Amino acid sequence: MKRILSFIIILFFLLADSSSASASSQDKIKNTELLASASRAVGTRLGKYSLIDQDGNKFSLSDYLGRPFILNLIYTNCVTTCGISTVILAEIIKDGGREVNIVTVSFDYERDTSQSMKEYGGNFTKDFKHWRFAVGDRDTIKGLTNELGFYYQKTKNGFDHINMISVIDLNGKVYNNIFYGSDHNNEKIKNELIASLKGALSGTNTTGNISGFTGIIDAIKLMCTYYDPVSGTYRISYLYLSGTISGILFFTVPIIIIWRKELLSLFNRIKDIAAKIGITRRKLEVNDRL
């Protein structure tokens, strides 16, 4: 009976682990494709998309021809990573002032409005002349995100989306795509953005590589934290953290249950060996005294 129970437990966790490995593999493939798509977007000339800013005024991205600018995409109900990019850009606009132009566009065309974007933007800046917060219709957002290589997908709780800030050169082309995460290091991202703006202004050729992606460690930290716009800090997402811990327990607990006798036997052997070593040392000490 115990053997049957052990077999069932092992089978269950093997299937669970197989499913998890498959999902992990699919996620890895998906992330690779997203990074490749963003990389291919570098050098793409953006269309003359018409947007509406926070004050209800229409404008076109082509209005920025002749001057590089920063373009990032968010949605106002985001409680995870959108705040990260906005905080970074707030620091840049504060330091750079009139020399920097930023356009923040919502990809939630069904819910966000000029008013909601103004309220969102007002939390980070009062300089709406150099930093516009805009909305667009479905076709505009679809076209713009496609040209930028920006991925987003509607979910039950909001959106899954790539964390990316783009720099557009004076010819209206994507000069660079810069990635960020929860462990983003403001200064590093700021320096990359400023360097890209200078390169876009001088006409320096870009390599077509994306910047700022720090690998799997950053991805793990990003999954386990979220940005709190009220406090302006990053908090632990206990939902994701508990899921991670549960996964570890699912893997280790069955091993402990099934091989507990072997583990206890090994532990007892170690104790015996330690005891023998102790006895031997005491004998040697006695002999030395004699």
Protein backbone atom coordinates (compact mmCIF):
# COMPACT_ATOMS: atom_id res chain seq x y z
CA MET A 1 0.00 0.00 0.00
CA LYS A 2 2.84 2.37 0.90
CA ARG A 3 4.56 1.65 -2.41
CA ILE A 4 1.35 2.40 -4.32
CA LEU A 5 0.90 5.64 -2.39
CA SER A 6 4.50 6.60 -3.06
CA PHE A 7 4.06 5.85 -6.76
CA ILE A 8 0.93 8.02 -6.93
CA ILE A 9 2.67 10.90 -5.17
CA ILE A 10 5.72 10.67 -7.43
CA LEU A 11 3.54 10.49 -10.54
CA PHE A 12 1.54 13.52 -9.43
CA PHE A 13 4.59 15.67 -8.91
CA LEU A 14 6.29 14.48 -12.06
CA LEU A 15 3.24 15.56 -14.02
CA ALA A 16 3.12 18.86 -12.17
CA ASP A 17 6.82 19.43 -12.74
CA SER A 18 6.44 18.49 -16.41
CA SER A 19 3.61 20.98 -16.78
CA SER A 20 5.64 23.65 -15.00
CA ALA A 21 8.69 22.95 -17.17
CA SER A 22 6.56 23.15 -20.29
CA ALA A 23 5.08 26.47 -19.19
CA SER A 24 8.55 27.77 -18.30
CA SER A 25 9.86 26.71 -21.70
CA GLN A 26 6.96 28.42 -23.44
CA ASP A 27 7.52 31.59 -21.42
CA LYS A 28 11.21 31.56 -22.34
CA ILE A 29 10.38 31.18 -26.03
CA LYS A 30 7.79 33.95 -25.75
CA ASN A 31 10.23 36.33 -24.03
CA THR A 32 12.88 35.62 -26.65
CA GLU A 33 10.41 36.41 -29.40
CA LEU A 34 9.36 39.65 -27.69
CA LEU A 35 12.97 40.79 -27.33
CA ALA A 36 13.65 39.92 -30.95
CA SER A 37 10.57 41.86 -32.06
CA ALA A 38 11.64 44.91 -30.06
CA SER A 39 15.14 44.67 -31.52
CA ARG A 40 13.82 44.47 -35.08
CA ALA A 41 11.77 47.61 -34.46
CA VAL A 42 14.91 49.72 -34.10
CA GLY A 43 15.26 51.78 -37.27
CA THR A 44 11.54 51.68 -38.08
CA ARG A 45 10.02 54.99 -39.12
CA LEU A 46 6.85 55.66 -37.16
CA GLY A 47 3.65 56.55 -38.97
CA LYS A 48 1.99 59.95 -38.69
CA TYR A 49 -0.31 58.84 -35.93
CA SER A 50 -2.88 61.29 -34.60
CA LEU A 51 -3.23 61.38 -30.81
CA ILE A 52 -5.17 63.42 -28.26
CA ASP A 53 -3.25 64.87 -25.33
CA GLN A 54 -4.25 65.42 -21.70
CA ASP A 55 -5.95 68.73 -22.55
CA GLY A 56 -8.01 67.28 -25.40
CA ASN A 57 -5.79 68.73 -28.13
CA LYS A 58 -5.02 66.70 -31.24
CA PHE A 59 -1.41 66.31 -32.33
CA SER A 60 0.72 64.00 -34.43
CA LEU A 61 3.98 62.26 -33.66
CA SER A 62 5.25 63.81 -36.89
CA ASP A 63 5.11 67.17 -35.07
CA TYR A 64 8.32 66.05 -33.36
CA LEU A 65 10.28 65.65 -36.59
CA GLY A 66 13.60 67.44 -36.25
CA ARG A 67 13.92 66.76 -32.52
CA PRO A 68 14.38 63.45 -30.73
CA PHE A 69 11.95 62.49 -28.00
CA ILE A 70 11.16 59.73 -25.53
CA LEU A 71 8.08 57.61 -26.12
CA ASN A 72 6.66 55.17 -23.57
CA LEU A 73 3.42 53.25 -23.30
CA ILE A 74 1.41 52.66 -20.12
CA TYR A 75 -2.14 52.27 -18.89
CA THR A 76 -3.41 54.27 -15.93
CA ASN A 77 -4.84 51.32 -13.99
CA CYS A 78 -1.50 49.51 -13.98
CA VAL A 79 -0.39 48.67 -10.44
CA THR A 80 2.80 46.83 -11.33
CA THR A 81 5.50 48.26 -13.59
CA CYS A 82 4.09 51.27 -15.47
CA GLY A 83 4.95 53.48 -12.51
CA ILE A 84 8.60 52.52 -12.83
CA SER A 85 9.06 54.09 -16.25
CA THR A 86 7.02 57.16 -15.28
CA VAL A 87 9.17 57.78 -12.20
CA ILE A 88 12.33 57.52 -14.29
CA LEU A 89 10.95 59.93 -16.88
CA ALA A 90 9.88 62.36 -14.14
CA GLU A 91 13.51 62.52 -13.00
CA ILE A 92 14.69 63.10 -16.57
CA ILE A 93 12.19 65.89 -17.27
CA LYS A 94 13.11 67.48 -13.94
CA ASP A 95 16.83 67.44 -14.75
CA GLY A 96 16.57 68.14 -18.49
CA GLY A 97 13.72 70.63 -18.52
CA ARG A 98 13.03 72.19 -21.90
CA GLU A 99 15.72 70.18 -23.64
CA VAL A 100 13.74 66.95 -23.23
CA ASN A 101 10.45 66.02 -24.89
CA ILE A 102 8.42 63.03 -23.74
CA VAL A 103 5.20 61.47 -25.01
CA THR A 104 3.45 58.93 -22.78
CA VAL A 105 0.69 57.04 -24.58
CA SER A 106 -1.95 54.75 -23.08
CA PHE A 107 -2.47 51.45 -24.87
CA ASP A 108 -5.75 50.91 -22.98
CA TYR A 109 -7.82 52.59 -25.70
CA GLU A 110 -11.06 51.18 -24.29
CA ARG A 111 -10.82 52.81 -20.86
CA ASP A 112 -8.26 55.59 -20.70
CA THR A 113 -9.29 59.13 -21.67
CA SER A 114 -7.60 62.52 -21.87
CA GLN A 115 -8.90 63.25 -18.38
CA SER A 116 -7.58 60.04 -16.84
CA MET A 117 -4.21 60.63 -18.51
CA LYS A 118 -4.09 64.18 -17.14
CA GLU A 119 -4.83 62.93 -13.64
CA TYR A 120 -2.19 60.23 -14.01
CA GLY A 121 0.41 62.59 -15.45
CA GLY A 122 -0.29 65.21 -12.79
CA ASN A 123 1.16 62.85 -10.21
CA PHE A 124 4.55 63.12 -11.89
CA THR A 125 4.82 66.52 -13.60
CA LYS A 126 3.22 69.90 -14.17
CA ASP A 127 5.15 70.49 -17.39
CA PHE A 128 2.61 69.21 -19.90
CA LYS A 129 4.25 71.27 -22.64
CA HIS A 130 7.34 69.09 -22.77
CA TRP A 131 5.70 65.93 -21.44
CA ARG A 132 2.44 64.98 -23.08
CA PHE A 133 0.11 62.23 -21.90
CA ALA A 134 -1.98 60.98 -24.79
CA VAL A 135 -4.64 58.54 -25.94
CA GLY A 136 -5.52 57.15 -29.35
CA ASP A 137 -8.12 54.99 -31.01
CA ARG A 138 -7.82 51.26 -31.54
CA ASP A 139 -6.18 51.40 -34.98
CA THR A 140 -3.70 54.04 -33.86
CA ILE A 141 -2.60 52.08 -30.80
CA LYS A 142 -2.40 48.81 -32.72
CA GLY A 143 -0.28 50.40 -35.43
CA LEU A 144 1.99 52.30 -33.05
CA THR A 145 2.68 49.36 -30.73
CA ASN A 146 3.38 47.12 -33.72
CA GLU A 147 5.95 49.54 -35.14
CA LEU A 148 7.62 49.97 -31.76
CA GLY A 149 7.79 46.23 -31.15
CA PHE A 150 5.77 46.78 -27.96
CA TYR A 151 3.84 43.73 -26.74
CA TYR A 152 0.66 43.93 -24.68
CA GLN A 153 -2.17 41.49 -24.08
CA LYS A 154 -5.42 42.09 -22.23
CA THR A 155 -5.99 39.83 -19.21
CA LYS A 156 -8.67 39.36 -16.59
CA ASN A 157 -6.91 41.74 -14.20
CA GLY A 158 -5.54 44.26 -16.67
CA PHE A 159 -2.74 43.73 -19.17
CA ASP A 160 0.42 41.71 -19.62
CA HIS A 161 2.93 43.95 -21.34
CA ILE A 162 6.59 44.39 -22.03
CA ASN A 163 8.45 46.97 -19.89
CA MET A 164 10.07 49.25 -22.42
CA ILE A 165 10.90 52.89 -23.10
CA SER A 166 11.65 54.00 -26.66
CA VAL A 167 13.80 56.81 -27.98
CA ILE A 168 12.73 58.30 -31.33
CA ASP A 169 15.30 60.15 -33.45
CA LEU A 170 14.88 63.45 -35.29
CA ASN A 171 13.74 61.59 -38.42
CA GLY A 172 10.89 59.88 -36.61
CA LYS A 173 12.63 56.50 -36.45
CA VAL A 174 12.98 54.19 -33.45
CA TYR A 175 16.52 54.86 -32.26
CA ASN A 176 16.60 52.54 -29.25
CA ASN A 177 14.35 50.40 -27.05
CA ILE A 178 15.35 50.33 -23.40
CA PHE A 179 14.06 47.75 -20.95
CA TYR A 180 13.59 48.09 -17.22
CA GLY A 181 12.54 45.97 -14.26
CA SER A 182 11.83 46.26 -10.54
CA ASP A 183 15.58 46.31 -9.79
CA HIS A 184 15.99 48.91 -12.45
CA ASN A 185 18.60 51.35 -11.04
CA ASN A 186 17.24 54.78 -11.95
CA GLU A 187 20.64 56.25 -12.74
CA LYS A 188 21.53 53.46 -15.15
CA ILE A 189 18.28 53.76 -17.11
CA LYS A 190 18.47 57.56 -17.06
CA ASN A 191 22.01 57.46 -18.42
CA GLU A 192 20.97 55.06 -21.18
CA LEU A 193 18.05 57.30 -22.14
CA ILE A 194 20.18 60.45 -22.12
CA ALA A 195 22.91 58.74 -24.14
CA SER A 196 20.31 57.56 -26.65
CA LEU A 197 18.82 61.06 -26.91
CA LYS A 198 22.27 62.50 -27.60
CA GLY A 199 22.97 59.80 -30.16
CA ALA A 200 19.61 60.38 -31.83
CA LEU A 201 20.29 64.12 -31.96
CA SER A 202 23.78 63.75 -33.42
CA GLY A 203 22.70 61.11 -35.92
CA THR A 204 24.98 58.45 -34.44
CA ASN A 205 24.00 55.06 -35.79
CA THR A 206 22.44 52.64 -33.36
CA THR A 207 23.43 48.98 -33.36
CA GLY A 208 19.84 47.84 -33.26
CA ASN A 209 20.32 46.24 -29.88
CA ILE A 210 17.92 46.75 -27.04
CA SER A 211 19.21 48.02 -23.72
CA GLY A 212 18.58 47.64 -20.04
CA PHE A 213 17.57 43.98 -19.87
CA THR A 214 19.37 42.47 -16.88
CA GLY A 215 18.38 38.85 -17.28
CA ILE A 216 16.52 36.22 -15.35
CA ILE A 217 17.33 37.64 -11.88
CA ASP A 218 15.65 40.92 -12.77
CA ALA A 219 12.70 39.06 -14.24
CA ILE A 220 12.24 37.14 -10.98
CA LYS A 221 12.41 40.33 -8.93
CA LEU A 222 9.97 41.97 -11.31
CA MET A 223 7.46 39.15 -10.89
CA CYS A 224 7.61 39.37 -7.11
CA THR A 225 7.23 43.14 -6.75
CA TYR A 226 4.85 45.85 -7.82
CA TYR A 227 4.97 49.64 -7.86
CA ASP A 228 2.72 51.45 -5.36
CA PRO A 229 1.92 54.89 -6.83
CA VAL A 230 0.60 56.13 -3.47
CA SER A 231 3.82 55.60 -1.52
CA GLY A 232 6.12 55.79 -4.55
CA THR A 233 7.87 52.60 -3.51
CA TYR A 234 8.09 48.97 -4.63
CA ARG A 235 6.29 46.38 -2.55
CA ILE A 236 6.41 42.60 -2.40
CA SER A 237 3.65 40.87 -4.35
CA TYR A 238 2.69 38.19 -1.85
CA LEU A 239 0.52 36.50 -4.47
CA TYR A 240 3.51 35.74 -6.69
CA LEU A 241 5.79 35.08 -3.73
CA SER A 242 3.38 32.55 -2.22
CA GLY A 243 3.09 30.85 -5.60
CA THR A 244 6.87 30.54 -5.80
CA ILE A 245 7.11 29.12 -2.28
CA SER A 246 4.25 26.71 -3.00
CA GLY A 247 6.09 25.45 -6.06
CA ILE A 248 9.22 24.80 -4.00
CA LEU A 249 7.23 22.98 -1.33
CA PHE A 250 5.44 20.89 -3.95
CA PHE A 251 8.81 19.70 -5.16
CA THR A 252 10.56 19.11 -1.83
CA VAL A 253 7.82 17.80 0.49
CA PRO A 254 7.17 14.57 -1.50
CA ILE A 255 10.90 13.81 -1.49
CA ILE A 256 11.01 14.20 2.29
CA ILE A 257 7.88 12.05 2.75
CA ILE A 258 8.96 9.25 0.41
CA TRP A 259 12.60 9.08 1.45
CA ARG A 260 12.21 10.04 5.10
CA LYS A 261 13.56 6.66 6.28
CA GLU A 262 16.62 7.00 4.08
CA LEU A 263 17.15 10.57 5.27
CA LEU A 264 16.82 9.53 8.92
CA SER A 265 19.22 6.65 8.31
CA LEU A 266 21.72 9.02 6.70
CA PHE A 267 21.34 11.45 9.59
CA ASN A 268 21.95 8.67 12.13
CA ARG A 269 25.05 7.52 10.21
CA ILE A 270 26.42 11.04 10.33
CA LYS A 271 25.77 11.16 14.08
CA ASP A 272 27.54 7.81 14.54
CA ILE A 273 30.53 8.95 12.51
CA ALA A 274 30.68 12.20 14.47
CA ALA A 275 30.49 10.25 17.74
CA LYS A 276 33.29 7.90 16.65
CA ILE A 277 35.44 10.84 15.65
CA GLY A 278 34.81 12.37 19.07
CA ILE A 279 35.78 9.14 20.84
CA THR A 280 38.93 8.80 18.74
CA ARG A 281 39.96 12.36 19.56
CA ARG A 282 39.47 11.77 23.27
CA LYS A 283 41.59 8.60 23.11
CA LEU A 284 44.35 10.50 21.33
CA GLU A 285 44.25 13.23 23.95
CA VAL A 286 44.54 10.61 26.74
CA ASN A 287 47.47 8.91 24.98
CA ASP A 288 49.21 12.25 24.57
CA ARG A 289 48.89 12.90 28.29
CA LEU A 290 50.32 9.47 29.08
